[in-house]
Amino acid sequence: MTQIRKNDHNLMKVLLGPVISEKATMVAEKNEQVVFQVMRDANKSDVKQAVELLFKVQVDSVQIVNQKGKPKRYGRFEGRRDHTKKAYVSLKPGQEINFEAEAN
């Protein structure tokens, strides 16, 4: 049985969810990376620790992208979508995250 440290509760909040898109699928096949949407205040080491804790895999490297929200209009009202942060996580060779098996 693994022991839960005090910091582990904060790490479970870092990952908001996987990004499922054509680009994320292409990156997964070509570069063997997994794309996650993360909290805006998360850094690379937080993301690495969170992925290793939740999915029991070894992470090789993490790249972070800040994505600015698009300006949008609805009639005469203007607004902006929220800014987001994505993490591109490279796993060590032989490691794999299977989201279908994790859901069951």
PDB file of N, CA and C in Angstrom:
ATOM      1  N   MET A   1       0.846  -1.180   0.000  1.00  0.00           N
ATOM      2  CA  MET A   1       0.000   0.000   0.000  1.00  0.00           C
ATOM      3  C   MET A   1       0.887   1.237   0.000  1.00  0.00           C
ATOM      4  N   THR A   2       0.606   2.156  -0.906  1.00  0.00           N
ATOM      5  CA  THR A   2       1.410   3.369  -0.978  1.00  0.00           C
ATOM      6  C   THR A   2       0.939   4.368   0.067  1.00  0.00           C
ATOM      7  N   GLN A   3       1.891   5.058   0.598  1.00  0.00           N
ATOM      8  CA  GLN A   3       1.574   6.039   1.627  1.00  0.00           C
ATOM      9  C   GLN A   3       1.301   7.391   0.973  1.00  0.00           C
ATOM     10  N   ILE A   4       0.223   8.041   1.343  1.00  0.00           N
ATOM     11  CA  ILE A   4      -0.141   9.333   0.780  1.00  0.00           C
ATOM     12  C   ILE A   4       0.493  10.426   1.617  1.00  0.00           C
ATOM     13  N   ARG A   5       1.289  11.247   0.929  1.00  0.00           N
ATOM     14  CA  ARG A   5       1.940  12.359   1.610  1.00  0.00           C
ATOM     15  C   ARG A   5       1.008  13.559   1.623  1.00  0.00           C
ATOM     16  N   LYS A   6       1.365  14.546   2.410  1.00  0.00           N
ATOM     17  CA  LYS A   6       0.549  15.753   2.548  1.00  0.00           C
ATOM     18  C   LYS A   6       0.428  16.502   1.224  1.00  0.00           C
ATOM     19  N   ASN A   7       1.499  16.520   0.440  1.00  0.00           N
ATOM     20  CA  ASN A   7       1.516  17.249  -0.817  1.00  0.00           C
ATOM     21  C   ASN A   7       0.726  16.541  -1.915  1.00  0.00           C
ATOM     22  N   ASP A   8       0.446  15.239  -1.761  1.00  0.00           N
ATOM     23  CA  ASP A   8      -0.239  14.474  -2.796  1.00  0.00           C
ATOM     24  C   ASP A   8      -1.651  14.986  -3.067  1.00  0.00           C
ATOM     25  N   HIS A   9      -2.320  15.532  -2.068  1.00  0.00           N
ATOM     26  CA  HIS A   9      -3.666  16.068  -2.280  1.00  0.00           C
ATOM     27  C   HIS A   9      -3.625  17.263  -3.227  1.00  0.00           C
ATOM     28  N   ASN A  10      -2.589  18.077  -3.147  1.00  0.00           N
ATOM     29  CA  ASN A  10      -2.443  19.199  -4.067  1.00  0.00           C
ATOM     30  C   ASN A  10      -2.102  18.716  -5.464  1.00  0.00           C
ATOM     31  N   LEU A  11      -1.309  17.650  -5.573  1.00  0.00           N
ATOM     32  CA  LEU A  11      -0.928  17.122  -6.881  1.00  0.00           C
ATOM     33  C   LEU A  11      -2.122  16.540  -7.626  1.00  0.00           C
ATOM     34  N   MET A  12      -3.104  16.031  -6.912  1.00  0.00           N
ATOM     35  CA  MET A  12      -4.272  15.456  -7.572  1.00  0.00           C
ATOM     36  C   MET A  12      -5.141  16.523  -8.220  1.00  0.00           C
ATOM     37  N   LYS A  13      -4.952  17.772  -7.854  1.00  0.00           N
ATOM     38  CA  LYS A  13      -5.726  18.868  -8.437  1.00  0.00           C
ATOM     39  C   LYS A  13      -5.025  19.506  -9.626  1.00  0.00           C
ATOM     40  N   VAL A  14      -3.777  19.142  -9.887  1.00  0.00           N
ATOM     41  CA  VAL A  14      -2.989  19.780 -10.947  1.00  0.00           C
ATOM     42  C   VAL A  14      -3.539  19.440 -12.321  1.00  0.00           C
ATOM     43  N   LEU A  15      -3.810  18.159 -12.587  1.00  0.00           N
ATOM     44  CA  LEU A  15      -4.295  17.726 -13.894  1.00  0.00           C
ATOM     45  C   LEU A  15      -5.806  17.919 -13.979  1.00  0.00           C
ATOM     46  N   LEU A  16      -6.253  18.686 -14.967  1.00  0.00           N
ATOM     47  CA  LEU A  16      -7.685  18.899 -15.166  1.00  0.00           C
ATOM     48  C   LEU A  16      -8.286  17.843 -16.080  1.00  0.00           C
ATOM     49  N   GLY A  17      -7.494  17.318 -17.006  1.00  0.00           N
ATOM     50  CA  GLY A  17      -7.983  16.270 -17.886  1.00  0.00           C
ATOM     51  C   GLY A  17      -7.120  16.156 -19.119  1.00  0.00           C
ATOM     52  N   PRO A  18      -7.258  15.046 -19.854  1.00  0.00           N
ATOM     53  CA  PRO A  18      -6.497  14.893 -21.089  1.00  0.00           C
ATOM     54  C   PRO A  18      -7.110  15.741 -22.201  1.00  0.00           C
ATOM     55  N   VAL A  19      -6.278  16.150 -23.136  1.00  0.00           N
ATOM     56  CA  VAL A  19      -6.743  16.889 -24.308  1.00  0.00           C
ATOM     57  C   VAL A  19      -6.939  15.871 -25.422  1.00  0.00           C
ATOM     58  N   ILE A  20      -8.164  15.754 -25.905  1.00  0.00           N
ATOM     59  CA  ILE A  20      -8.486  14.832 -26.980  1.00  0.00           C
ATOM     60  C   ILE A  20      -8.797  15.656 -28.219  1.00  0.00           C
ATOM     61  N   SER A  21      -7.848  15.713 -29.134  1.00  0.00           N
ATOM     62  CA  SER A  21      -8.022  16.465 -30.379  1.00  0.00           C
ATOM     63  C   SER A  21      -7.175  15.806 -31.458  1.00  0.00           C
ATOM     64  N   GLU A  22      -7.307  16.290 -32.686  1.00  0.00           N
ATOM     65  CA  GLU A  22      -6.512  15.732 -33.778  1.00  0.00           C
ATOM     66  C   GLU A  22      -5.028  15.981 -33.544  1.00  0.00           C
ATOM     67  N   LYS A  23      -4.696  17.187 -33.092  1.00  0.00           N
ATOM     68  CA  LYS A  23      -3.295  17.519 -32.848  1.00  0.00           C
ATOM     69  C   LYS A  23      -2.726  16.672 -31.716  1.00  0.00           C
ATOM     70  N   ALA A  24      -3.471  16.492 -30.644  1.00  0.00           N
ATOM     71  CA  ALA A  24      -2.996  15.688 -29.518  1.00  0.00           C
ATOM     72  C   ALA A  24      -2.796  14.236 -29.939  1.00  0.00           C
ATOM     73  N   THR A  25      -3.660  13.705 -30.771  1.00  0.00           N
ATOM     74  CA  THR A  25      -3.522  12.344 -31.263  1.00  0.00           C
ATOM     75  C   THR A  25      -2.301  12.215 -32.162  1.00  0.00           C
ATOM     76  N   MET A  26      -2.078  13.208 -33.020  1.00  0.00           N
ATOM     77  CA  MET A  26      -0.920  13.194 -33.910  1.00  0.00           C
ATOM     78  C   MET A  26       0.383  13.264 -33.113  1.00  0.00           C
ATOM     79  N   VAL A  27       0.412  14.113 -32.073  1.00  0.00           N
ATOM     80  CA  VAL A  27       1.589  14.236 -31.230  1.00  0.00           C
ATOM     81  C   VAL A  27       1.833  12.936 -30.471  1.00  0.00           C
ATOM     82  N   ALA A  28       0.772  12.286 -30.026  1.00  0.00           N
ATOM     83  CA  ALA A  28       0.904  11.033 -29.283  1.00  0.00           C
ATOM     84  C   ALA A  28       1.513   9.941 -30.156  1.00  0.00           C
ATOM     85  N   GLU A  29       1.095   9.879 -31.412  1.00  0.00           N
ATOM     86  CA  GLU A  29       1.615   8.853 -32.301  1.00  0.00           C
ATOM     87  C   GLU A  29       3.039   9.149 -32.740  1.00  0.00           C
ATOM     88  N   LYS A  30       3.331  10.406 -33.059  1.00  0.00           N
ATOM     89  CA  LYS A  30       4.632  10.777 -33.620  1.00  0.00           C
ATOM     90  C   LYS A  30       5.716  10.889 -32.543  1.00  0.00           C
ATOM     91  N   ASN A  31       5.454  11.610 -31.469  1.00  0.00           N
ATOM     92  CA  ASN A  31       6.475  11.906 -30.461  1.00  0.00           C
ATOM     93  C   ASN A  31       6.307  11.110 -29.177  1.00  0.00           C
ATOM     94  N   GLU A  32       5.292  10.255 -29.116  1.00  0.00           N
ATOM     95  CA  GLU A  32       4.998   9.479 -27.907  1.00  0.00           C
ATOM     96  C   GLU A  32       4.837  10.385 -26.690  1.00  0.00           C
ATOM     97  N   GLN A  33       3.995  11.401 -26.847  1.00  0.00           N
ATOM     98  CA  GLN A  33       3.681  12.330 -25.773  1.00  0.00           C
ATOM     99  C   GLN A  33       2.189  12.274 -25.482  1.00  0.00           C
ATOM    100  N   VAL A  34       1.822  12.660 -24.264  1.00  0.00           N
ATOM    101  CA  VAL A  34       0.425  12.741 -23.852  1.00  0.00           C
ATOM    102  C   VAL A  34       0.160  14.195 -23.477  1.00  0.00           C
ATOM    103  N   VAL A  35      -0.991  14.727 -23.883  1.00  0.00           N
ATOM    104  CA  VAL A  35      -1.311  16.128 -23.648  1.00  0.00           C
ATOM    105  C   VAL A  35      -2.383  16.217 -22.566  1.00  0.00           C
ATOM    106  N   PHE A  36      -2.118  17.059 -21.550  1.00  0.00           N
ATOM    107  CA  PHE A  36      -3.063  17.284 -20.464  1.00  0.00           C
ATOM    108  C   PHE A  36      -3.354  18.767 -20.342  1.00  0.00           C
ATOM    109  N   GLN A  37      -4.590  19.094 -19.953  1.00  0.00           N
ATOM    110  CA  GLN A  37      -4.901  20.455 -19.546  1.00  0.00           C
ATOM    111  C   GLN A  37      -4.624  20.520 -18.051  1.00  0.00           C
ATOM    112  N   VAL A  38      -3.872  21.553 -17.625  1.00  0.00           N
ATOM    113  CA  VAL A  38      -3.436  21.640 -16.235  1.00  0.00           C
ATOM    114  C   VAL A  38      -3.866  22.967 -15.633  1.00  0.00           C
ATOM    115  N   MET A  39      -3.755  23.063 -14.313  1.00  0.00           N
ATOM    116  CA  MET A  39      -4.064  24.310 -13.617  1.00  0.00           C
ATOM    117  C   MET A  39      -3.128  25.411 -14.104  1.00  0.00           C
ATOM    118  N   ARG A  40      -3.589  26.648 -14.079  1.00  0.00           N
ATOM    119  CA  ARG A  40      -2.790  27.752 -14.616  1.00  0.00           C
ATOM    120  C   ARG A  40      -1.590  28.087 -13.755  1.00  0.00           C
ATOM    121  N   ASP A  41      -1.582  27.677 -12.487  1.00  0.00           N
ATOM    122  CA  ASP A  41      -0.439  27.966 -11.630  1.00  0.00           C
ATOM    123  C   ASP A  41       0.505  26.764 -11.491  1.00  0.00           C
ATOM    124  N   ALA A  42       0.294  25.705 -12.276  1.00  0.00           N
ATOM    125  CA  ALA A  42       1.137  24.511 -12.191  1.00  0.00           C
ATOM    126  C   ALA A  42       2.452  24.731 -12.936  1.00  0.00           C
ATOM    127  N   ASN A  43       3.521  24.107 -12.436  1.00  0.00           N
ATOM    128  CA  ASN A  43       4.800  24.160 -13.131  1.00  0.00           C
ATOM    129  C   ASN A  43       5.184  22.755 -13.575  1.00  0.00           C
ATOM    130  N   LYS A  44       6.337  22.644 -14.241  1.00  0.00           N
ATOM    131  CA  LYS A  44       6.738  21.362 -14.818  1.00  0.00           C
ATOM    132  C   LYS A  44       6.908  20.265 -13.766  1.00  0.00           C
ATOM    133  N   SER A  45       7.522  20.611 -12.656  1.00  0.00           N
ATOM    134  CA  SER A  45       7.746  19.582 -11.639  1.00  0.00           C
ATOM    135  C   SER A  45       6.428  19.112 -11.017  1.00  0.00           C
ATOM    136  N   ASP A  46       5.466  20.016 -10.840  1.00  0.00           N
ATOM    137  CA  ASP A  46       4.145  19.618 -10.335  1.00  0.00           C
ATOM    138  C   ASP A  46       3.463  18.642 -11.290  1.00  0.00           C
ATOM    139  N   VAL A  47       3.520  18.951 -12.583  1.00  0.00           N
ATOM    140  CA  VAL A  47       2.880  18.101 -13.587  1.00  0.00           C
ATOM    141  C   VAL A  47       3.549  16.732 -13.608  1.00  0.00           C
ATOM    142  N   LYS A  48       4.865  16.708 -13.573  1.00  0.00           N
ATOM    143  CA  LYS A  48       5.593  15.434 -13.586  1.00  0.00           C
ATOM    144  C   LYS A  48       5.213  14.573 -12.388  1.00  0.00           C
ATOM    145  N   GLN A  49       5.211  15.165 -11.201  1.00  0.00           N
ATOM    146  CA  GLN A  49       4.865  14.406  -9.997  1.00  0.00           C
ATOM    147  C   GLN A  49       3.423  13.926 -10.035  1.00  0.00           C
ATOM    148  N   ALA A  50       2.514  14.753 -10.553  1.00  0.00           N
ATOM    149  CA  ALA A  50       1.097  14.385 -10.609  1.00  0.00           C
ATOM    150  C   ALA A  50       0.866  13.218 -11.559  1.00  0.00           C
ATOM    151  N   VAL A  51       1.501  13.240 -12.730  1.00  0.00           N
ATOM    152  CA  VAL A  51       1.324  12.153 -13.699  1.00  0.00           C
ATOM    153  C   VAL A  51       1.907  10.860 -13.141  1.00  0.00           C
ATOM    154  N   GLU A  52       3.080  10.950 -12.513  1.00  0.00           N
ATOM    155  CA  GLU A  52       3.681   9.749 -11.940  1.00  0.00           C
ATOM    156  C   GLU A  52       2.834   9.185 -10.796  1.00  0.00           C
ATOM    157  N   LEU A  53       2.212  10.054 -10.011  1.00  0.00           N
ATOM    158  CA  LEU A  53       1.377   9.608  -8.897  1.00  0.00           C
ATOM    159  C   LEU A  53       0.075   8.969  -9.377  1.00  0.00           C
ATOM    160  N   LEU A  54      -0.606   9.611 -10.318  1.00  0.00           N
ATOM    161  CA  LEU A  54      -1.932   9.150 -10.733  1.00  0.00           C
ATOM    162  C   LEU A  54      -1.893   7.948 -11.672  1.00  0.00           C
ATOM    163  N   PHE A  55      -0.914   7.916 -12.598  1.00  0.00           N
ATOM    164  CA  PHE A  55      -0.914   6.872 -13.625  1.00  0.00           C
ATOM    165  C   PHE A  55       0.156   5.806 -13.418  1.00  0.00           C
ATOM    166  N   LYS A  56       0.995   5.955 -12.379  1.00  0.00           N
ATOM    167  CA  LYS A  56       2.029   4.959 -12.061  1.00  0.00           C
ATOM    168  C   LYS A  56       2.958   4.699 -13.249  1.00  0.00           C
ATOM    169  N   VAL A  57       3.409   5.771 -13.907  1.00  0.00           N
ATOM    170  CA  VAL A  57       4.354   5.685 -15.018  1.00  0.00           C
ATOM    171  C   VAL A  57       5.558   6.566 -14.705  1.00  0.00           C
ATOM    172  N   GLN A  58       6.618   6.416 -15.487  1.00  0.00           N
ATOM    173  CA  GLN A  58       7.802   7.253 -15.334  1.00  0.00           C
ATOM    174  C   GLN A  58       7.804   8.296 -16.431  1.00  0.00           C
ATOM    175  N   VAL A  59       7.959   9.570 -16.038  1.00  0.00           N
ATOM    176  CA  VAL A  59       7.931  10.690 -16.975  1.00  0.00           C
ATOM    177  C   VAL A  59       9.358  11.066 -17.337  1.00  0.00           C
ATOM    178  N   ASP A  60       9.585  11.257 -18.638  1.00  0.00           N
ATOM    179  CA  ASP A  60      10.908  11.658 -19.117  1.00  0.00           C
ATOM    180  C   ASP A  60      11.050  13.174 -19.086  1.00  0.00           C
ATOM    181  N   SER A  61      10.083  13.890 -19.700  1.00  0.00           N
ATOM    182  CA  SER A  61      10.148  15.351 -19.710  1.00  0.00           C
ATOM    183  C   SER A  61       8.752  15.936 -19.847  1.00  0.00           C
ATOM    184  N   VAL A  62       8.651  17.239 -19.563  1.00  0.00           N
ATOM    185  CA  VAL A  62       7.376  17.957 -19.636  1.00  0.00           C
ATOM    186  C   VAL A  62       7.604  19.293 -20.336  1.00  0.00           C
ATOM    187  N   GLN A  63       6.762  19.614 -21.309  1.00  0.00           N
ATOM    188  CA  GLN A  63       6.758  20.936 -21.931  1.00  0.00           C
ATOM    189  C   GLN A  63       5.412  21.576 -21.635  1.00  0.00           C
ATOM    190  N   ILE A  64       5.436  22.878 -21.309  1.00  0.00           N
ATOM    191  CA  ILE A  64       4.214  23.593 -20.920  1.00  0.00           C
ATOM    192  C   ILE A  64       3.922  24.681 -21.957  1.00  0.00           C
ATOM    193  N   VAL A  65       2.631  24.819 -22.302  1.00  0.00           N
ATOM    194  CA  VAL A  65       2.185  25.834 -23.251  1.00  0.00           C
ATOM    195  C   VAL A  65       1.086  26.659 -22.602  1.00  0.00           C
ATOM    196  N   ASN A  66       1.259  27.982 -22.586  1.00  0.00           N
ATOM    197  CA  ASN A  66       0.197  28.884 -22.145  1.00  0.00           C
ATOM    198  C   ASN A  66      -0.594  29.301 -23.371  1.00  0.00           C
ATOM    199  N   GLN A  67      -1.891  29.056 -23.368  1.00  0.00           N
ATOM    200  CA  GLN A  67      -2.735  29.372 -24.512  1.00  0.00           C
ATOM    201  C   GLN A  67      -3.673  30.504 -24.138  1.00  0.00           C
ATOM    202  N   LYS A  68      -3.580  31.601 -24.855  1.00  0.00           N
ATOM    203  CA  LYS A  68      -4.442  32.744 -24.577  1.00  0.00           C
ATOM    204  C   LYS A  68      -5.848  32.473 -25.092  1.00  0.00           C
ATOM    205  N   GLY A  69      -6.849  32.958 -24.364  1.00  0.00           N
ATOM    206  CA  GLY A  69      -8.238  32.767 -24.759  1.00  0.00           C
ATOM    207  C   GLY A  69      -8.596  33.629 -25.955  1.00  0.00           C
ATOM    208  N   LYS A  70      -9.436  33.098 -26.816  1.00  0.00           N
ATOM    209  CA  LYS A  70      -9.848  33.826 -28.015  1.00  0.00           C
ATOM    210  C   LYS A  70     -10.883  34.884 -27.661  1.00  0.00           C
ATOM    211  N   PRO A  71     -10.803  36.056 -28.299  1.00  0.00           N
ATOM    212  CA  PRO A  71     -11.898  37.022 -28.124  1.00  0.00           C
ATOM    213  C   PRO A  71     -13.136  36.546 -28.892  1.00  0.00           C
ATOM    214  N   LYS A  72     -14.278  36.642 -28.277  1.00  0.00           N
ATOM    215  CA  LYS A  72     -15.520  36.179 -28.893  1.00  0.00           C
ATOM    216  C   LYS A  72     -16.581  37.265 -28.784  1.00  0.00           C
ATOM    217  N   ARG A  73     -17.516  37.238 -29.747  1.00  0.00           N
ATOM    218  CA  ARG A  73     -18.634  38.173 -29.724  1.00  0.00           C
ATOM    219  C   ARG A  73     -19.928  37.411 -29.860  1.00  0.00           C
ATOM    220  N   TYR A  74     -20.935  37.920 -29.185  1.00  0.00           N
ATOM    221  CA  TYR A  74     -22.277  37.410 -29.357  1.00  0.00           C
ATOM    222  C   TYR A  74     -23.155  38.637 -29.517  1.00  0.00           C
ATOM    223  N   GLY A  75     -23.480  38.954 -30.771  1.00  0.00           N
ATOM    224  CA  GLY A  75     -24.228  40.181 -31.042  1.00  0.00           C
ATOM    225  C   GLY A  75     -23.376  41.387 -30.703  1.00  0.00           C
ATOM    226  N   ARG A  76     -23.864  42.252 -29.826  1.00  0.00           N
ATOM    227  CA  ARG A  76     -23.102  43.446 -29.452  1.00  0.00           C
ATOM    228  C   ARG A  76     -22.249  43.236 -28.214  1.00  0.00           C
ATOM    229  N   PHE A  77     -22.303  42.045 -27.649  1.00  0.00           N
ATOM    230  CA  PHE A  77     -21.547  41.770 -26.431  1.00  0.00           C
ATOM    231  C   PHE A  77     -20.208  41.124 -26.778  1.00  0.00           C
ATOM    232  N   GLU A  78     -19.149  41.660 -26.217  1.00  0.00           N
ATOM    233  CA  GLU A  78     -17.821  41.119 -26.445  1.00  0.00           C
ATOM    234  C   GLU A  78     -17.325  40.422 -25.188  1.00  0.00           C
ATOM    235  N   GLY A  79     -16.558  39.393 -25.386  1.00  0.00           N
ATOM    236  CA  GLY A  79     -15.997  38.675 -24.262  1.00  0.00           C
ATOM    237  C   GLY A  79     -14.741  37.950 -24.676  1.00  0.00           C
ATOM    238  N   ARG A  80     -14.252  37.140 -23.796  1.00  0.00           N
ATOM    239  CA  ARG A  80     -13.032  36.387 -24.068  1.00  0.00           C
ATOM    240  C   ARG A  80     -13.149  35.030 -23.389  1.00  0.00           C
ATOM    241  N   ARG A  81     -12.694  34.015 -24.089  1.00  0.00           N
ATOM    242  CA  ARG A  81     -12.618  32.691 -23.472  1.00  0.00           C
ATOM    243  C   ARG A  81     -11.488  32.692 -22.450  1.00  0.00           C
ATOM    244  N   ASP A  82     -11.549  31.775 -21.504  1.00  0.00           N
ATOM    245  CA  ASP A  82     -10.518  31.700 -20.478  1.00  0.00           C
ATOM    246  C   ASP A  82      -9.178  31.297 -21.073  1.00  0.00           C
ATOM    247  N   HIS A  83      -8.099  31.808 -20.467  1.00  0.00           N
ATOM    248  CA  HIS A  83      -6.760  31.360 -20.812  1.00  0.00           C
ATOM    249  C   HIS A  83      -6.586  29.945 -20.256  1.00  0.00           C
ATOM    250  N   THR A  84      -5.828  29.116 -20.960  1.00  0.00           N
ATOM    251  CA  THR A  84      -5.589  27.752 -20.508  1.00  0.00           C
ATOM    252  C   THR A  84      -4.102  27.433 -20.544  1.00  0.00           C
ATOM    253  N   LYS A  85      -3.736  26.390 -19.846  1.00  0.00           N
ATOM    254  CA  LYS A  85      -2.361  25.904 -19.840  1.00  0.00           C
ATOM    255  C   LYS A  85      -2.402  24.420 -20.157  1.00  0.00           C
ATOM    256  N   LYS A  86      -1.540  24.003 -21.115  1.00  0.00           N
ATOM    257  CA  LYS A  86      -1.456  22.599 -21.501  1.00  0.00           C
ATOM    258  C   LYS A  86      -0.056  22.082 -21.222  1.00  0.00           C
ATOM    259  N   ALA A  87       0.028  20.819 -20.900  1.00  0.00           N
ATOM    260  CA  ALA A  87       1.318  20.178 -20.647  1.00  0.00           C
ATOM    261  C   ALA A  87       1.470  19.002 -21.612  1.00  0.00           C
ATOM    262  N   TYR A  88       2.599  18.996 -22.326  1.00  0.00           N
ATOM    263  CA  TYR A  88       2.961  17.893 -23.202  1.00  0.00           C
ATOM    264  C   TYR A  88       3.938  17.015 -22.421  1.00  0.00           C
ATOM    265  N   VAL A  89       3.505  15.812 -22.054  1.00  0.00           N
ATOM    266  CA  VAL A  89       4.272  14.933 -21.179  1.00  0.00           C
ATOM    267  C   VAL A  89       4.886  13.812 -22.015  1.00  0.00           C
ATOM    268  N   SER A  90       6.226  13.711 -21.988  1.00  0.00           N
ATOM    269  CA  SER A  90       6.935  12.620 -22.654  1.00  0.00           C
ATOM    270  C   SER A  90       7.205  11.532 -21.629  1.00  0.00           C
ATOM    271  N   LEU A  91       6.804  10.323 -21.969  1.00  0.00           N
ATOM    272  CA  LEU A  91       7.018   9.184 -21.074  1.00  0.00           C
ATOM    273  C   LEU A  91       8.310   8.474 -21.446  1.00  0.00           C
ATOM    274  N   LYS A  92       8.911   7.798 -20.474  1.00  0.00           N
ATOM    275  CA  LYS A  92      10.123   7.028 -20.733  1.00  0.00           C
ATOM    276  C   LYS A  92       9.774   5.852 -21.645  1.00  0.00           C
ATOM    277  N   PRO A  93      10.751   5.342 -22.411  1.00  0.00           N
ATOM    278  CA  PRO A  93      10.473   4.229 -23.337  1.00  0.00           C
ATOM    279  C   PRO A  93       9.871   3.026 -22.606  1.00  0.00           C
ATOM    280  N   GLY A  94       8.867   2.444 -23.231  1.00  0.00           N
ATOM    281  CA  GLY A  94       8.187   1.297 -22.637  1.00  0.00           C
ATOM    282  C   GLY A  94       7.017   1.674 -21.748  1.00  0.00           C
ATOM    283  N   GLN A  95       6.844   2.960 -21.429  1.00  0.00           N
ATOM    284  CA  GLN A  95       5.743   3.421 -20.584  1.00  0.00           C
ATOM    285  C   GLN A  95       4.569   3.837 -21.471  1.00  0.00           C
ATOM    286  N   GLU A  96       3.358   3.665 -20.966  1.00  0.00           N
ATOM    287  CA  GLU A  96       2.169   4.012 -21.742  1.00  0.00           C
ATOM    288  C   GLU A  96       1.018   4.322 -20.795  1.00  0.00           C
ATOM    289  N   ILE A  97       0.207   5.317 -21.175  1.00  0.00           N
ATOM    290  CA  ILE A  97      -1.015   5.633 -20.436  1.00  0.00           C
ATOM    291  C   ILE A  97      -2.182   5.234 -21.319  1.00  0.00           C
ATOM    292  N   ASN A  98      -3.020   4.342 -20.811  1.00  0.00           N
ATOM    293  CA  ASN A  98      -4.194   3.891 -21.542  1.00  0.00           C
ATOM    294  C   ASN A  98      -5.425   4.448 -20.833  1.00  0.00           C
ATOM    295  N   PHE A  99      -6.042   5.472 -21.421  1.00  0.00           N
ATOM    296  CA  PHE A  99      -7.180   6.117 -20.785  1.00  0.00           C
ATOM    297  C   PHE A  99      -8.412   5.223 -20.754  1.00  0.00           C
ATOM    298  N   GLU A 100      -8.552   4.323 -21.700  1.00  0.00           N
ATOM    299  CA  GLU A 100      -9.703   3.429 -21.705  1.00  0.00           C
ATOM    300  C   GLU A 100      -9.660   2.477 -20.524  1.00  0.00           C
ATOM    301  N   ALA A 101      -8.475   1.946 -20.210  1.00  0.00           N
ATOM    302  CA  ALA A 101      -8.354   1.023 -19.085  1.00  0.00           C
ATOM    303  C   ALA A 101      -8.467   1.765 -17.756  1.00  0.00           C
ATOM    304  N   GLU A 102      -8.023   3.050 -17.701  1.00  0.00           N
ATOM    305  CA  GLU A 102      -8.091   3.829 -16.477  1.00  0.00           C
ATOM    306  C   GLU A 102      -9.535   4.165 -16.101  1.00  0.00           C
ATOM    307  N   ALA A 103     -10.418   4.260 -17.102  1.00  0.00           N
ATOM    308  CA  ALA A 103     -11.814   4.637 -16.847  1.00  0.00           C
ATOM    309  C   ALA A 103     -12.588   3.509 -16.174  1.00  0.00           C
ATOM    310  N   ASN A 104     -12.189   2.280 -16.424  1.00  0.00           N
ATOM    311  CA  ASN A 104     -12.923   1.137 -15.865  1.00  0.00           C
ATOM    312  C   ASN A 104     -12.561   0.849 -14.465  1.00  0.00           C
TER     313      ASN A 104
END
